[in-house]
């Protein structure tokens, strides 16, 4: 019997409920604003004014979907983290409000919103109020270029795609640091000020390896466009950037040929296509890709102040750090943004390293499965929704399913890290960033430059 099996079942039930509670409203809003209302308007033979209204509705769809998604997702992730931590530490977790604690975070949200909003005596009221707003704003604007990648460049979200999308995301990710310093300085509290200064030092230290890891992936992909980076990884896990940014891309066709002809010589040739140099270069790219993923995940945890990098809050030392003096709605905004940022960094990792919304199973593997009958049944069942009401876009639907699985798996990994590792000391934090991660990121960058040149020169 699996240890703690009832708690695992309850966690699975909570995940299933909240995934539906999050994504069905987001889907409904996106469809109503971006498809249904413009379809009605355009069906009335509209003039230029009504056509403009339809275009405005389509343009507003990404923003409205994000605004619906953020609060619902944050409530789920708080409960997801609390139940997962309880599972790791063999405790019960929230289990009173709603079935198995299903509505606990909804009750917590109502409690926070009804609490009194207090501004401390001696605080700079304007900056104190602006800090949570500045901290939260990048959670909305920073995810927009990623929307196009995770929805398989759906027409409603293609407007958010930028040729230099990853730079836009990185620029947005640097704004919350300003907000933390604002919050710490304006609170008129020594613990808050120390927390804000720690946040600044930590961000400066860990942004360098984080940015270098993503820039190196862009170098392997040959583009800064997140949609193109995701599309390059189509075809199963062998094509993902986690396996060398395409260094194994010829294996799919080789394995398919080998299965068809029962001849494995093409697979050996795909491993060793142009001699020892290309083989060594491919191995170096695969090794560096795993190093880059580790650098990114480490830097991302430090950027969003997750354990073991939660020095800016450090309850045992600084009470609560930069948000010690915050209460009510302002504290809720900080709380909301922190969990949204965790979701965003997991989305970036999914797009840059794990193929975005790509099915992880290669086509040659799917061809071995008896899926024809299932696909035909699903096709007939969904034909009305797809063709008549345009409620479902099959490409976007399946891409979204895989993105959800990958992103929340990375979130689960981040929760596991929180339940496993202790907090760094501040000197350990700085030493680890400057003496280990920064040199390692530079070495990985140089290795990828030379390995990629070698692979490309040999015909990949």
Foldseek 3Di string as FASTA:
>chain_A
DDPPVVLVVVLVVLVVVLVCVQVVVLLVQLCVQQPVVLVVLVVVVDDPVSNVSNVVSLQCSLLVSLVSRLVSVLLSLVQSLQSLLCVVVVHQGQDDPPHGNSCVSVVVLVVLQPDDWDQDPPFPVVLLVCLLVQLQVLLRLLCLLLVCQLLLNPVSSVVSWDQQNVVSNLVSLVRNLVSQCSLLVRRPDVLQNVLSVLLVLLLVLLSQLQVLLLVLLCVLQVTNTLNSLLVQQAFAQLCFQLQQNRLQVVQLVQVLVCVVVVDNPSNVCSCAVQHDLSNVLSVLSNVLSNVSLVSNVVSLCLSLLAPLNVVSQPCVPRVGHSCNPGGRPSVVSNSSSSVSSLLSSLSVCCSSGVSNLHDNDGPSVVVVDPCPVVVVVVCVVCVCVCPPSVSDDVSSVSSNVSSVVSSVVVSSVSSVNRSPDHHDDSVVSNCCRPVPSNVSSVVSSVSSVVSSVSNVVSPD
